[in-house]
Amino acid sequence: MKGRWLILILILSFVVAGCSHESQAVRLVLPFRPDVQFAPFYVAMERGYFSEEGLDVSFEHLPENEAVALVGAGEAPFAVVSGEQVLLARAQNFPIVYVLAWWQDYPVAVAYPKESDIDSIEDLVGKKIGIPGLYGASYIGFRALLSSAGISEADTTLDSIGYNQVEAMLAGQEDAIVVYANNEPVQLEAQNFPVELFKVADYVHLSSNGLISSESILADDPDLVRSMVAAILKGIEDTIEDPEGAFEISKDFVEGLDQADQTVMLRVLQESVLFWQTEELGRSNPEAWENMHDILLEMGLLEEELDVKDAFSNEFLPK
């Protein structure tokens, strides 16, 4: 009889232990569509870093404005968005907070032919410059670059060309183009069209892409935030240390990546990694947030000043 009771107790203990380790379902909204640049998240998934933290993470891709609305409304606990989106959303009373700085530098740049008469930012005056449009990170980065040199937008001729910068440059339609330094320049050089860059990050430090959550989750479930941050940081670390391995993992998450030009796409990831590296991964720089705040005010995208320190937190990084 005692033996039966002992067996029953052991069975119940295993059941209780199993229940206590059930994973928590977590929705993570990433920008736009699957891309090799999201390799750290794919690595965290593939290598079980989310699972180790007790998280059952699912990815969803949406535009950034939709992502901040979902997080702000409590319909998604986490999203990855750029720094300007955080400030613009908070100005509209969305209670979101940036908890992990993934990109340490703003990746926007102005590219121009290596064989041209452009040597400095001041030489952009009077030039025709192709840009996806007068919106988003490309436009904000471009305006910040001009502002650093005391130049106004009116001193240049902006040409809204959509995401056709590579084609426009190859066709000689633009004197310069606004690009992501980790992307279009790689594509141009692969077609034997060398370019030089004015990287925004070389002139002004701006808050860039990172993980956001809501004020309510930070207050009510801080351990969830710490777990999410810890898992993503492991994915970032692994990708920095071994971009080739991360690239291979990404093929299972990005449709068509295995059929794409492997050399170019791997180079895009390698160039992206350069924007993530820092002495302390994940930590926000207050100066970058102040700079972003100031350029948004200058552009009229913010109508009044915000308390920037409420927009981000380093509290949830590993101690």
Protein backbone atom coordinates (compact mmCIF):
# COMPACT_ATOMS: atom_id res chain seq x y z
CA MET A 1 0.00 0.00 0.00
CA LYS A 2 2.81 2.36 0.93
CA GLY A 3 4.47 1.57 -2.37
CA ARG A 4 1.34 2.58 -4.28
CA TRP A 5 1.16 5.87 -2.40
CA LEU A 6 4.83 6.53 -3.14
CA ILE A 7 4.27 5.95 -6.86
CA LEU A 8 1.23 8.24 -6.83
CA ILE A 9 3.19 10.99 -5.09
CA LEU A 10 6.02 10.69 -7.60
CA ILE A 11 3.58 10.90 -10.52
CA LEU A 12 1.91 13.98 -9.07
CA SER A 13 5.27 15.64 -8.46
CA PHE A 14 6.25 15.14 -12.11
CA VAL A 15 2.91 16.57 -13.26
CA VAL A 16 3.32 19.64 -11.05
CA ALA A 17 6.91 20.12 -12.18
CA GLY A 18 5.85 19.87 -15.80
CA CYS A 19 3.11 22.44 -15.35
CA SER A 20 5.45 24.86 -13.63
CA HIS A 21 7.73 24.85 -16.68
CA GLU A 22 5.10 25.54 -19.33
CA SER A 23 6.26 28.16 -21.81
CA GLN A 24 4.56 31.53 -21.96
CA ALA A 25 3.22 32.42 -25.40
CA VAL A 26 4.71 35.73 -26.56
CA ARG A 27 3.92 37.71 -29.71
CA LEU A 28 6.87 39.66 -31.15
CA VAL A 29 6.14 42.12 -33.96
CA LEU A 30 9.05 42.71 -36.35
CA PRO A 31 9.16 45.33 -39.13
CA PHE A 32 7.72 44.72 -42.59
CA ARG A 33 8.77 41.25 -43.80
CA PRO A 34 11.27 38.46 -42.97
CA ASP A 35 14.80 39.58 -43.78
CA VAL A 36 18.36 38.45 -43.14
CA GLN A 37 18.86 41.56 -40.99
CA PHE A 38 16.60 39.95 -38.37
CA ALA A 39 19.10 37.11 -37.99
CA PRO A 40 19.55 37.63 -34.20
CA PHE A 41 15.88 36.79 -33.64
CA TYR A 42 16.07 33.73 -35.85
CA VAL A 43 19.20 32.61 -33.99
CA ALA A 44 17.48 33.11 -30.63
CA MET A 45 14.60 30.96 -31.88
CA GLU A 46 16.68 28.23 -33.53
CA ARG A 47 19.17 27.85 -30.67
CA GLY A 48 16.48 27.74 -28.02
CA TYR A 49 17.29 30.98 -26.24
CA PHE A 50 13.64 31.96 -26.05
CA SER A 51 12.72 28.50 -24.79
CA GLU A 52 15.43 28.63 -22.14
CA GLU A 53 13.74 31.74 -20.78
CA GLY A 54 10.36 29.99 -20.73
CA LEU A 55 9.06 31.84 -23.78
CA ASP A 56 7.12 30.44 -26.74
CA VAL A 57 7.76 33.29 -29.18
CA SER A 58 5.94 33.81 -32.47
CA PHE A 59 7.03 36.37 -35.07
CA GLU A 60 4.69 38.70 -36.92
CA HIS A 61 5.72 41.32 -39.49
CA LEU A 62 3.94 44.67 -39.67
CA PRO A 63 4.75 48.33 -40.46
CA GLU A 64 6.24 50.17 -37.51
CA ASN A 65 3.28 52.49 -36.99
CA GLU A 66 1.00 49.46 -36.62
CA ALA A 67 3.48 47.80 -34.27
CA VAL A 68 3.61 50.74 -31.84
CA ALA A 69 -0.19 50.94 -31.88
CA LEU A 70 -0.51 47.25 -30.98
CA VAL A 71 2.00 47.47 -28.15
CA GLY A 72 0.54 50.72 -26.90
CA ALA A 73 -2.95 49.20 -26.85
CA GLY A 74 -1.75 46.08 -25.03
CA GLU A 75 -2.52 43.79 -27.96
CA ALA A 76 1.12 42.74 -28.41
CA PRO A 77 3.70 42.69 -25.61
CA PHE A 78 6.76 43.40 -27.73
CA ALA A 79 7.81 44.91 -31.05
CA VAL A 80 10.96 46.08 -32.79
CA VAL A 81 10.79 49.67 -34.03
CA SER A 82 13.12 52.61 -34.63
CA GLY A 83 13.82 55.34 -32.11
CA GLU A 84 11.88 58.08 -33.84
CA GLN A 85 8.75 55.91 -33.81
CA VAL A 86 8.97 55.64 -30.03
CA LEU A 87 9.06 59.41 -29.55
CA LEU A 88 6.35 60.06 -32.13
CA ALA A 89 4.12 57.43 -30.52
CA ARG A 90 4.64 58.79 -27.02
CA ALA A 91 3.70 62.24 -28.31
CA GLN A 92 0.35 60.65 -29.22
CA ASN A 93 0.03 59.20 -25.70
CA PHE A 94 0.95 55.63 -26.60
CA PRO A 95 2.51 54.28 -23.36
CA ILE A 96 5.45 52.46 -24.96
CA VAL A 97 9.03 52.18 -23.70
CA TYR A 98 12.21 51.15 -25.53
CA VAL A 99 13.96 48.47 -23.45
CA LEU A 100 16.81 47.17 -25.63
CA ALA A 101 18.97 49.07 -28.10
CA TRP A 102 19.68 46.61 -30.92
CA TRP A 103 21.16 49.03 -33.49
CA GLN A 104 23.67 51.25 -31.73
CA ASP A 105 24.06 53.59 -34.71
CA TYR A 106 21.55 54.96 -37.20
CA PRO A 107 22.12 53.12 -40.51
CA VAL A 108 20.97 55.87 -42.91
CA ALA A 109 23.58 57.40 -45.23
CA VAL A 110 23.93 59.43 -48.40
CA ALA A 111 25.72 57.54 -51.17
CA TYR A 112 27.35 59.17 -54.17
CA PRO A 113 29.56 57.91 -57.03
CA LYS A 114 33.19 57.49 -56.10
CA GLU A 115 34.07 59.43 -59.23
CA SER A 116 32.16 62.64 -58.54
CA ASP A 117 32.82 66.20 -57.41
CA ILE A 118 31.27 65.54 -54.00
CA ASP A 119 33.80 65.56 -51.16
CA SER A 120 31.86 66.95 -48.20
CA ILE A 121 28.28 67.29 -46.99
CA GLU A 122 28.40 70.92 -48.09
CA ASP A 123 28.89 69.70 -51.67
CA LEU A 124 25.34 68.33 -51.60
CA VAL A 125 24.06 71.89 -51.98
CA GLY A 126 22.39 72.20 -55.38
CA LYS A 127 22.54 68.46 -56.03
CA LYS A 128 19.65 66.21 -57.03
CA ILE A 129 19.25 63.58 -54.35
CA GLY A 130 17.06 60.50 -54.65
CA ILE A 131 15.18 59.44 -51.51
CA PRO A 132 12.40 56.89 -50.93
CA GLY A 133 10.10 59.70 -49.83
CA LEU A 134 9.69 62.57 -47.41
CA TYR A 135 8.90 60.27 -44.50
CA GLY A 136 10.42 57.65 -42.24
CA ALA A 137 13.96 56.93 -41.14
CA SER A 138 15.57 57.83 -44.48
CA TYR A 139 14.11 61.33 -44.42
CA ILE A 140 14.85 61.89 -40.73
CA GLY A 141 18.42 60.67 -41.14
CA PHE A 142 18.93 62.87 -44.19
CA ARG A 143 17.64 65.93 -42.36
CA ALA A 144 19.88 65.18 -39.38
CA LEU A 145 22.88 64.88 -41.70
CA LEU A 146 22.14 68.24 -43.34
CA SER A 147 21.53 69.85 -39.95
CA SER A 148 24.95 68.70 -38.73
CA ALA A 149 26.50 70.78 -41.54
CA GLY A 150 24.18 73.76 -41.20
CA ILE A 151 22.43 73.02 -44.50
CA SER A 152 18.68 73.24 -45.07
CA GLU A 153 16.58 70.89 -47.17
CA ALA A 154 15.82 73.81 -49.50
CA ASP A 155 19.51 73.91 -50.44
CA THR A 156 19.11 70.55 -52.21
CA THR A 157 16.69 69.07 -54.73
CA LEU A 158 15.02 66.01 -53.23
CA ASP A 159 13.58 63.48 -55.67
CA SER A 160 11.10 60.97 -54.22
CA ILE A 161 11.87 57.74 -56.06
CA GLY A 162 10.54 55.01 -53.77
CA TYR A 163 12.89 52.16 -52.95
CA ASN A 164 14.60 52.32 -56.34
CA GLN A 165 17.81 53.99 -55.24
CA VAL A 166 20.11 51.37 -56.79
CA GLU A 167 18.42 51.50 -60.19
CA ALA A 168 18.33 55.31 -60.16
CA MET A 169 22.02 55.58 -59.33
CA LEU A 170 23.02 53.02 -61.97
CA ALA A 171 20.98 54.94 -64.55
CA GLY A 172 22.68 58.22 -63.64
CA GLN A 173 19.38 59.84 -62.69
CA GLU A 174 20.61 61.20 -59.33
CA ASP A 175 23.72 62.95 -58.06
CA ALA A 176 23.36 61.11 -54.76
CA ILE A 177 20.89 58.80 -53.03
CA VAL A 178 19.69 58.31 -49.47
CA VAL A 179 20.31 54.69 -48.48
CA TYR A 180 20.80 52.27 -45.65
CA ALA A 181 24.56 51.95 -45.33
CA ASN A 182 24.31 48.19 -44.83
CA ASN A 183 22.22 47.54 -47.94
CA GLU A 184 22.17 49.57 -51.17
CA PRO A 185 25.95 50.31 -51.21
CA VAL A 186 26.57 46.55 -51.06
CA GLN A 187 24.24 46.02 -54.02
CA LEU A 188 25.90 48.80 -56.02
CA GLU A 189 29.41 47.53 -55.40
CA ALA A 190 28.28 44.04 -56.44
CA GLN A 191 27.44 45.61 -59.81
CA ASN A 192 30.87 47.26 -60.05
CA PHE A 193 29.54 50.69 -59.15
CA PRO A 194 31.69 51.91 -56.23
CA VAL A 195 30.23 54.61 -54.01
CA GLU A 196 31.32 56.78 -51.11
CA LEU A 197 29.11 57.43 -48.09
CA PHE A 198 28.21 60.15 -45.67
CA LYS A 199 27.00 58.02 -42.77
CA VAL A 200 24.64 59.82 -40.41
CA ALA A 201 26.29 57.95 -37.53
CA ASP A 202 29.62 59.65 -38.29
CA TYR A 203 28.07 63.07 -37.69
CA VAL A 204 25.27 62.65 -35.15
CA HIS A 205 24.29 59.84 -32.80
CA LEU A 206 20.58 58.98 -33.11
CA SER A 207 18.46 56.34 -31.38
CA SER A 208 17.81 53.50 -33.80
CA ASN A 209 16.06 50.11 -33.92
CA GLY A 210 15.33 48.26 -30.72
CA LEU A 211 12.80 46.38 -28.62
CA ILE A 212 9.75 48.11 -27.13
CA SER A 213 7.14 47.06 -24.62
CA SER A 214 4.37 48.86 -22.76
CA GLU A 215 4.49 50.73 -19.47
CA SER A 216 1.92 48.31 -18.03
CA ILE A 217 4.00 45.21 -18.84
CA LEU A 218 7.12 46.85 -17.42
CA ALA A 219 5.23 47.48 -14.19
CA ASP A 220 3.21 44.26 -13.96
CA ASP A 221 5.56 41.65 -15.44
CA PRO A 222 9.17 42.91 -15.36
CA ASP A 223 10.50 39.34 -15.36
CA LEU A 224 8.90 38.75 -18.75
CA VAL A 225 10.72 41.79 -20.12
CA ARG A 226 14.04 40.67 -18.63
CA SER A 227 13.61 37.20 -20.11
CA MET A 228 12.83 38.58 -23.56
CA VAL A 229 15.78 40.97 -23.44
CA ALA A 230 18.16 38.22 -22.27
CA ALA A 231 17.16 35.85 -25.08
CA ILE A 232 17.46 38.50 -27.80
CA LEU A 233 20.85 39.64 -26.51
CA LYS A 234 22.13 36.07 -26.84
CA GLY A 235 20.93 36.05 -30.44
CA ILE A 236 22.67 39.36 -31.12
CA GLU A 237 25.90 38.14 -29.51
CA ASP A 238 25.91 34.94 -31.57
CA THR A 239 25.24 36.82 -34.80
CA ILE A 240 28.06 39.27 -34.15
CA GLU A 241 30.47 36.44 -33.37
CA ASP A 242 29.41 34.22 -36.28
CA PRO A 243 27.44 36.03 -39.01
CA GLU A 244 28.00 33.14 -41.41
CA GLY A 245 26.31 30.71 -39.02
CA ALA A 246 23.48 33.17 -38.40
CA PHE A 247 23.07 33.55 -42.16
CA GLU A 248 22.59 29.80 -42.56
CA ILE A 249 19.98 29.77 -39.79
CA SER A 250 18.16 32.67 -41.45
CA LYS A 251 17.53 30.56 -44.56
CA ASP A 252 14.88 28.65 -42.62
CA PHE A 253 13.03 31.87 -41.79
CA VAL A 254 13.45 34.06 -44.89
CA GLU A 255 11.72 32.72 -47.98
CA GLY A 256 13.96 32.78 -51.04
CA LEU A 257 17.14 33.59 -49.14
CA ASP A 258 18.73 30.32 -50.24
CA GLN A 259 18.09 31.30 -53.88
CA ALA A 260 19.35 34.88 -53.52
CA ASP A 261 22.90 36.03 -54.26
CA GLN A 262 24.61 34.48 -51.25
CA THR A 263 27.65 36.75 -51.37
CA VAL A 264 25.58 39.93 -51.44
CA MET A 265 23.10 38.88 -48.75
CA LEU A 266 25.83 37.66 -46.40
CA ARG A 267 27.64 40.95 -46.92
CA VAL A 268 24.43 42.83 -46.03
CA LEU A 269 24.31 40.92 -42.74
CA GLN A 270 28.01 41.52 -42.08
CA GLU A 271 27.59 45.25 -42.70
CA SER A 272 24.53 45.28 -40.43
CA VAL A 273 26.51 43.71 -37.59
CA LEU A 274 28.84 46.71 -37.60
CA PHE A 275 25.94 48.89 -36.47
CA TRP A 276 25.13 46.64 -33.50
CA GLN A 277 28.57 46.35 -31.94
CA THR A 278 29.30 48.19 -28.71
CA GLU A 279 30.97 47.57 -25.36
CA GLU A 280 27.62 46.87 -23.69
CA LEU A 281 25.05 45.35 -26.01
CA GLY A 282 21.52 46.59 -25.61
CA ARG A 283 22.24 49.77 -23.65
CA SER A 284 20.61 53.01 -24.78
CA ASN A 285 22.68 56.17 -24.98
CA PRO A 286 20.71 59.13 -23.54
CA GLU A 287 22.49 61.52 -25.92
CA ALA A 288 21.17 59.59 -28.92
CA TRP A 289 17.62 60.06 -27.64
CA GLU A 290 18.13 63.77 -27.02
CA ASN A 291 19.51 64.18 -30.54
CA MET A 292 16.57 62.32 -32.06
CA HIS A 293 14.16 64.43 -30.01
CA ASP A 294 15.81 67.64 -31.23
CA ILE A 295 15.76 66.72 -34.92
CA LEU A 296 12.08 65.72 -34.72
CA LEU A 297 11.30 69.09 -33.14
CA GLU A 298 13.31 70.87 -35.83
CA MET A 299 11.39 69.02 -38.55
CA GLY A 300 8.05 69.81 -36.94
CA LEU A 301 7.25 66.13 -36.46
CA LEU A 302 7.06 66.79 -32.72
CA GLU A 303 4.93 69.78 -31.84
CA GLU A 304 6.21 70.13 -28.29
CA GLU A 305 9.04 68.84 -26.13
CA LEU A 306 8.88 65.43 -24.49
CA ASP A 307 10.56 64.11 -21.38
CA VAL A 308 12.99 61.87 -23.26
CA LYS A 309 14.11 59.89 -20.23
CA ASP A 310 10.65 58.30 -20.03
CA ALA A 311 10.97 56.90 -23.56
CA PHE A 312 13.69 54.34 -22.83
CA SER A 313 15.02 52.18 -20.03
CA ASN A 314 18.24 50.25 -19.40
CA GLU A 315 16.75 48.66 -16.29
CA PHE A 316 15.95 45.34 -17.95
CA LEU A 317 19.42 44.55 -19.25
CA PRO A 318 21.30 41.70 -17.54
CA LYS A 319 23.17 42.89 -14.46
